[in-house]
Amino acid sequence: MIIAIPSDGQSLDTAVCVSFGRSPFYCLYDTDTQESTFIVNTAADAAGGAGIKAAQILVDNHTNIVITIRCGENSAKVLQPADIKLFKAVDLSIADNIEAYLQGKLSPLNEVHPGYHHAH
């Protein structure tokens, strides 16, 4: 199973990025191999639709779980049909959130915000 987490840096000690769609990186953690890789979010600098593009990157990387602080509805509309489950990140490092998920301590992310696509 692949867990994806928006990340401010390329280390498991890094904090979870507060922005899903404009996160600089995503940590992809493979629960089978217990290995993590970091990918650059090429959608981060998009003029619009960053969340949709970022969500598609995670779909393309065969993600099963996303652990994030918040998620916009446009991103969710890409992730949920791909059967990617959303979980609410705790205010700790990437590694701590992976461990909390594996121990069953994270709650599903049920509240999806409208996004920031009209906030100019």
N, C-alpha and C. Protein backbone atom coordinates (compact mmCIF):
# COMPACT_ATOMS: atom_id res chain seq x y z
N MET A 1 0.84 -1.18 0.00
CA MET A 1 0.00 0.00 0.00
C MET A 1 0.89 1.24 0.00
N ILE A 2 0.47 2.26 -0.74
CA ILE A 2 1.22 3.50 -0.82
C ILE A 2 0.48 4.60 -0.05
N ILE A 3 1.20 5.22 0.90
CA ILE A 3 0.69 6.36 1.66
C ILE A 3 1.38 7.60 1.13
N ALA A 4 0.60 8.64 0.80
CA ALA A 4 1.16 9.91 0.34
C ALA A 4 0.87 11.00 1.35
N ILE A 5 1.89 11.84 1.60
CA ILE A 5 1.75 12.94 2.55
C ILE A 5 2.39 14.19 1.94
N PRO A 6 1.65 15.33 1.88
CA PRO A 6 2.27 16.57 1.41
C PRO A 6 3.36 16.99 2.39
N SER A 7 4.51 17.39 1.84
CA SER A 7 5.69 17.64 2.66
C SER A 7 6.37 18.95 2.28
N ASP A 8 6.86 19.66 3.30
CA ASP A 8 7.61 20.90 3.05
C ASP A 8 9.04 20.61 2.62
N GLY A 9 9.55 19.42 2.92
CA GLY A 9 10.93 19.07 2.58
C GLY A 9 11.03 17.61 2.19
N GLN A 10 12.27 17.15 2.00
CA GLN A 10 12.48 15.78 1.54
C GLN A 10 13.10 14.91 2.63
N SER A 11 12.49 14.98 3.82
CA SER A 11 12.97 14.20 4.96
C SER A 11 11.77 13.72 5.76
N LEU A 12 11.87 12.56 6.36
CA LEU A 12 10.79 12.04 7.21
C LEU A 12 10.61 12.88 8.47
N ASP A 13 11.62 13.69 8.80
CA ASP A 13 11.53 14.58 9.97
C ASP A 13 10.80 15.88 9.65
N THR A 14 10.49 16.11 8.37
CA THR A 14 9.84 17.33 7.93
C THR A 14 8.39 17.34 8.39
N ALA A 15 7.86 18.55 8.60
CA ALA A 15 6.46 18.70 8.96
C ALA A 15 5.58 18.45 7.74
N VAL A 16 4.35 18.05 8.00
CA VAL A 16 3.35 17.91 6.93
C VAL A 16 3.03 19.31 6.42
N CYS A 17 3.02 19.48 5.11
CA CYS A 17 2.70 20.78 4.51
C CYS A 17 1.22 21.08 4.71
N VAL A 18 0.90 22.33 5.09
CA VAL A 18 -0.50 22.69 5.34
C VAL A 18 -1.31 22.76 4.05
N SER A 19 -0.64 22.96 2.92
CA SER A 19 -1.33 23.04 1.63
C SER A 19 -1.20 21.71 0.89
N PHE A 20 -2.32 21.11 0.52
CA PHE A 20 -2.25 19.87 -0.24
C PHE A 20 -1.77 20.13 -1.67
N GLY A 21 -2.47 20.97 -2.40
CA GLY A 21 -2.20 21.18 -3.82
C GLY A 21 -0.92 21.91 -4.12
N ARG A 22 -0.47 22.77 -3.20
CA ARG A 22 0.73 23.57 -3.44
C ARG A 22 1.92 23.13 -2.59
N SER A 23 1.82 21.92 -2.07
CA SER A 23 2.93 21.34 -1.32
C SER A 23 4.14 21.20 -2.24
N PRO A 24 5.33 21.56 -1.77
CA PRO A 24 6.52 21.41 -2.65
C PRO A 24 6.83 19.96 -3.02
N PHE A 25 6.57 19.04 -2.08
CA PHE A 25 6.90 17.63 -2.28
C PHE A 25 5.77 16.76 -1.73
N TYR A 26 5.80 15.49 -2.13
CA TYR A 26 4.97 14.46 -1.50
C TYR A 26 5.89 13.33 -1.08
N CYS A 27 5.69 12.87 0.14
CA CYS A 27 6.36 11.65 0.59
C CYS A 27 5.47 10.49 0.19
N LEU A 28 6.04 9.53 -0.50
CA LEU A 28 5.33 8.30 -0.84
C LEU A 28 5.96 7.18 -0.02
N TYR A 29 5.17 6.62 0.88
CA TYR A 29 5.66 5.56 1.76
C TYR A 29 5.00 4.24 1.38
N ASP A 30 5.81 3.25 1.10
CA ASP A 30 5.35 1.93 0.71
C ASP A 30 5.32 1.05 1.96
N THR A 31 4.13 0.64 2.38
CA THR A 31 4.02 -0.14 3.61
C THR A 31 4.59 -1.55 3.46
N ASP A 32 4.67 -2.05 2.22
CA ASP A 32 5.21 -3.39 2.00
C ASP A 32 6.73 -3.40 2.16
N THR A 33 7.41 -2.41 1.58
CA THR A 33 8.87 -2.38 1.63
C THR A 33 9.39 -1.49 2.76
N GLN A 34 8.49 -0.70 3.37
CA GLN A 34 8.84 0.26 4.42
C GLN A 34 9.84 1.29 3.92
N GLU A 35 9.75 1.60 2.63
CA GLU A 35 10.64 2.61 2.04
C GLU A 35 9.84 3.85 1.70
N SER A 36 10.50 5.00 1.83
CA SER A 36 9.85 6.25 1.47
C SER A 36 10.65 6.93 0.36
N THR A 37 9.93 7.54 -0.55
CA THR A 37 10.54 8.34 -1.59
C THR A 37 9.82 9.69 -1.61
N PHE A 38 10.52 10.69 -2.06
CA PHE A 38 9.93 12.02 -2.16
C PHE A 38 9.87 12.42 -3.62
N ILE A 39 8.71 12.90 -4.03
CA ILE A 39 8.56 13.37 -5.40
C ILE A 39 8.25 14.86 -5.37
N VAL A 40 8.70 15.56 -6.40
CA VAL A 40 8.43 16.98 -6.53
C VAL A 40 6.99 17.16 -7.02
N ASN A 41 6.28 18.08 -6.41
CA ASN A 41 4.93 18.39 -6.86
C ASN A 41 5.03 19.39 -8.00
N THR A 42 4.92 18.90 -9.22
CA THR A 42 5.04 19.76 -10.40
C THR A 42 3.84 20.69 -10.55
N ALA A 43 2.78 20.47 -9.78
CA ALA A 43 1.59 21.32 -9.83
C ALA A 43 1.68 22.50 -8.88
N ALA A 44 2.69 22.53 -8.02
CA ALA A 44 2.76 23.54 -6.96
C ALA A 44 2.72 24.98 -7.49
N ASP A 45 3.32 25.22 -8.64
CA ASP A 45 3.38 26.58 -9.18
C ASP A 45 2.34 26.84 -10.26
N ALA A 46 1.37 25.96 -10.39
CA ALA A 46 0.33 26.13 -11.42
C ALA A 46 -0.48 27.40 -11.14
N ALA A 47 -0.84 28.10 -12.20
CA ALA A 47 -1.64 29.31 -12.05
C ALA A 47 -3.00 28.99 -11.44
N GLY A 48 -3.57 27.86 -11.80
CA GLY A 48 -4.85 27.42 -11.26
C GLY A 48 -4.94 25.92 -11.34
N GLY A 49 -5.84 25.35 -10.56
CA GLY A 49 -6.04 23.91 -10.60
C GLY A 49 -4.93 23.09 -9.99
N ALA A 50 -4.15 23.69 -9.08
CA ALA A 50 -3.02 22.96 -8.49
C ALA A 50 -3.48 21.71 -7.76
N GLY A 51 -4.59 21.81 -7.02
CA GLY A 51 -5.07 20.66 -6.27
C GLY A 51 -5.48 19.50 -7.16
N ILE A 52 -6.14 19.82 -8.27
CA ILE A 52 -6.56 18.79 -9.21
C ILE A 52 -5.34 18.10 -9.82
N LYS A 53 -4.37 18.91 -10.25
CA LYS A 53 -3.15 18.35 -10.87
C LYS A 53 -2.36 17.54 -9.86
N ALA A 54 -2.25 18.05 -8.63
CA ALA A 54 -1.51 17.34 -7.59
C ALA A 54 -2.19 16.01 -7.26
N ALA A 55 -3.50 16.03 -7.17
CA ALA A 55 -4.25 14.79 -6.89
C ALA A 55 -4.01 13.76 -7.99
N GLN A 56 -3.97 14.22 -9.24
CA GLN A 56 -3.75 13.30 -10.35
C GLN A 56 -2.35 12.70 -10.28
N ILE A 57 -1.36 13.47 -9.84
CA ILE A 57 0.00 12.95 -9.67
C ILE A 57 -0.03 11.76 -8.68
N LEU A 58 -0.79 11.92 -7.59
CA LEU A 58 -0.88 10.84 -6.60
C LEU A 58 -1.64 9.64 -7.13
N VAL A 59 -2.68 9.87 -7.91
CA VAL A 59 -3.40 8.77 -8.56
C VAL A 59 -2.44 8.01 -9.48
N ASP A 60 -1.66 8.76 -10.27
CA ASP A 60 -0.71 8.15 -11.21
C ASP A 60 0.39 7.36 -10.51
N ASN A 61 0.66 7.71 -9.23
CA ASN A 61 1.67 7.00 -8.45
C ASN A 61 1.07 5.88 -7.60
N HIS A 62 -0.17 5.48 -7.93
CA HIS A 62 -0.83 4.33 -7.30
C HIS A 62 -1.00 4.48 -5.79
N THR A 63 -1.28 5.71 -5.36
CA THR A 63 -1.50 6.00 -3.95
C THR A 63 -2.80 5.36 -3.47
N ASN A 64 -2.77 4.83 -2.24
CA ASN A 64 -3.96 4.24 -1.62
C ASN A 64 -4.53 5.12 -0.51
N ILE A 65 -3.63 5.83 0.19
CA ILE A 65 -3.99 6.63 1.35
C ILE A 65 -3.32 8.00 1.21
N VAL A 66 -4.06 9.07 1.53
CA VAL A 66 -3.45 10.40 1.63
C VAL A 66 -3.66 10.88 3.06
N ILE A 67 -2.57 11.29 3.68
CA ILE A 67 -2.62 11.88 5.01
C ILE A 67 -2.32 13.36 4.83
N THR A 68 -3.27 14.22 5.15
CA THR A 68 -3.12 15.65 4.90
C THR A 68 -3.83 16.46 5.97
N ILE A 69 -3.41 17.69 6.14
CA ILE A 69 -4.05 18.57 7.13
C ILE A 69 -5.42 18.98 6.63
N ARG A 70 -5.51 19.31 5.33
CA ARG A 70 -6.80 19.67 4.74
C ARG A 70 -6.75 19.34 3.25
N CYS A 71 -7.94 19.29 2.65
CA CYS A 71 -8.04 18.95 1.24
C CYS A 71 -9.20 19.72 0.63
N GLY A 72 -8.99 20.30 -0.52
CA GLY A 72 -10.04 21.02 -1.23
C GLY A 72 -10.96 20.07 -1.97
N GLU A 73 -12.17 20.56 -2.26
CA GLU A 73 -13.15 19.68 -2.89
C GLU A 73 -12.74 19.26 -4.30
N ASN A 74 -12.03 20.11 -5.03
CA ASN A 74 -11.60 19.72 -6.38
C ASN A 74 -10.58 18.59 -6.32
N SER A 75 -9.68 18.66 -5.35
CA SER A 75 -8.72 17.56 -5.15
C SER A 75 -9.45 16.29 -4.76
N ALA A 76 -10.39 16.42 -3.84
CA ALA A 76 -11.14 15.26 -3.36
C ALA A 76 -11.91 14.60 -4.50
N LYS A 77 -12.39 15.40 -5.45
CA LYS A 77 -13.14 14.85 -6.58
C LYS A 77 -12.26 14.01 -7.50
N VAL A 78 -10.96 14.17 -7.41
CA VAL A 78 -10.02 13.33 -8.16
C VAL A 78 -9.63 12.12 -7.33
N LEU A 79 -9.36 12.33 -6.04
CA LEU A 79 -8.88 11.26 -5.17
C LEU A 79 -9.95 10.22 -4.84
N GLN A 80 -11.14 10.67 -4.48
CA GLN A 80 -12.17 9.75 -4.00
C GLN A 80 -12.63 8.75 -5.06
N PRO A 81 -12.86 9.15 -6.32
CA PRO A 81 -13.24 8.15 -7.33
C PRO A 81 -12.15 7.12 -7.59
N ALA A 82 -10.89 7.47 -7.28
CA ALA A 82 -9.78 6.53 -7.44
C ALA A 82 -9.64 5.63 -6.21
N ASP A 83 -10.62 5.73 -5.30
CA ASP A 83 -10.65 4.94 -4.07
C ASP A 83 -9.45 5.20 -3.17
N ILE A 84 -9.01 6.47 -3.16
CA ILE A 84 -7.93 6.90 -2.27
C ILE A 84 -8.58 7.47 -1.02
N LYS A 85 -8.23 6.89 0.11
CA LYS A 85 -8.80 7.29 1.39
C LYS A 85 -8.02 8.48 1.97
N LEU A 86 -8.77 9.42 2.54
CA LEU A 86 -8.16 10.62 3.13
C LEU A 86 -8.17 10.51 4.65
N PHE A 87 -7.02 10.83 5.25
CA PHE A 87 -6.90 10.84 6.71
C PHE A 87 -6.34 12.17 7.17
N LYS A 88 -6.77 12.60 8.35
CA LYS A 88 -6.38 13.89 8.93
C LYS A 88 -5.01 13.75 9.58
N ALA A 89 -4.06 14.57 9.11
CA ALA A 89 -2.71 14.56 9.68
C ALA A 89 -2.72 15.18 11.08
N VAL A 90 -1.84 14.69 11.92
CA VAL A 90 -1.61 15.32 13.22
C VAL A 90 -0.43 16.27 13.05
N ASP A 91 -0.32 17.22 13.94
CA ASP A 91 0.66 18.30 13.81
C ASP A 91 2.06 17.82 14.23
N LEU A 92 2.56 16.85 13.49
CA LEU A 92 3.87 16.26 13.79
C LEU A 92 4.61 16.03 12.47
N SER A 93 5.69 15.28 12.52
CA SER A 93 6.49 15.02 11.33
C SER A 93 5.82 14.01 10.40
N ILE A 94 6.39 13.89 9.20
CA ILE A 94 5.93 12.89 8.23
C ILE A 94 6.01 11.50 8.87
N ALA A 95 7.15 11.18 9.48
CA ALA A 95 7.35 9.86 10.10
C ALA A 95 6.32 9.60 11.19
N ASP A 96 6.03 10.60 12.01
CA ASP A 96 5.06 10.44 13.10
C ASP A 96 3.66 10.17 12.54
N ASN A 97 3.32 10.82 11.43
CA ASN A 97 2.01 10.61 10.83
C ASN A 97 1.90 9.22 10.21
N ILE A 98 2.97 8.74 9.59
CA ILE A 98 2.97 7.38 9.05
C ILE A 98 2.77 6.38 10.18
N GLU A 99 3.51 6.56 11.26
CA GLU A 99 3.41 5.65 12.40
C GLU A 99 2.02 5.69 13.02
N ALA A 100 1.46 6.91 13.15
CA ALA A 100 0.11 7.05 13.72
C ALA A 100 -0.92 6.35 12.84
N TYR A 101 -0.77 6.46 11.52
CA TYR A 101 -1.70 5.77 10.62
C TYR A 101 -1.59 4.26 10.78
N LEU A 102 -0.36 3.76 10.80
CA LEU A 102 -0.14 2.31 10.89
C LEU A 102 -0.68 1.75 12.21
N GLN A 103 -0.72 2.58 13.25
CA GLN A 103 -1.24 2.17 14.55
C GLN A 103 -2.75 2.42 14.67
N GLY A 104 -3.37 2.90 13.59
CA GLY A 104 -4.81 3.14 13.61
C GLY A 104 -5.23 4.36 14.41
N LYS A 105 -4.31 5.32 14.58
CA LYS A 105 -4.59 6.48 15.43
C LYS A 105 -5.04 7.73 14.68
N LEU A 106 -5.10 7.67 13.34
CA LEU A 106 -5.53 8.85 12.59
C LEU A 106 -7.02 8.73 12.25
N SER A 107 -7.68 9.87 12.24
CA SER A 107 -9.10 9.91 11.90
C SER A 107 -9.27 10.15 10.41
N PRO A 108 -10.34 9.63 9.82
CA PRO A 108 -10.64 9.98 8.42
C PRO A 108 -10.84 11.49 8.29
N LEU A 109 -10.40 12.03 7.17
CA LEU A 109 -10.60 13.46 6.89
C LEU A 109 -11.97 13.59 6.24
N ASN A 110 -12.94 14.00 7.02
CA ASN A 110 -14.31 14.06 6.53
C ASN A 110 -14.70 15.44 6.00
N GLU A 111 -14.04 16.48 6.53
CA GLU A 111 -14.39 17.82 6.09
C GLU A 111 -13.49 18.24 4.94
N VAL A 112 -14.10 18.51 3.81
CA VAL A 112 -13.38 18.96 2.61
C VAL A 112 -13.78 20.40 2.39
N HIS A 113 -12.78 21.28 2.29
CA HIS A 113 -13.12 22.71 2.13
C HIS A 113 -13.36 23.05 0.67
N PRO A 114 -14.02 24.18 0.40
CA PRO A 114 -14.37 24.54 -0.97
C PRO A 114 -13.16 24.83 -1.85
N GLY A 115 -11.99 25.00 -1.27
CA GLY A 115 -10.80 25.32 -2.07
C GLY A 115 -10.59 26.82 -2.12
N TYR A 116 -9.54 27.22 -2.78
CA TYR A 116 -9.17 28.63 -2.82
C TYR A 116 -9.19 29.17 -4.23
N HIS A 117 -9.95 28.52 -5.10
CA HIS A 117 -9.91 28.88 -6.51
C HIS A 117 -10.57 30.21 -6.82
N HIS A 118 -11.28 30.81 -5.86
CA HIS A 118 -11.91 32.11 -6.11
C HIS A 118 -11.35 33.19 -5.19
N ALA A 119 -10.25 32.90 -4.54
CA ALA A 119 -9.71 33.82 -3.53
C ALA A 119 -8.65 34.75 -4.15
N HIS A 120 -9.07 35.65 -4.99
CA HIS A 120 -8.10 36.57 -5.58
C HIS A 120 -8.27 37.94 -5.00
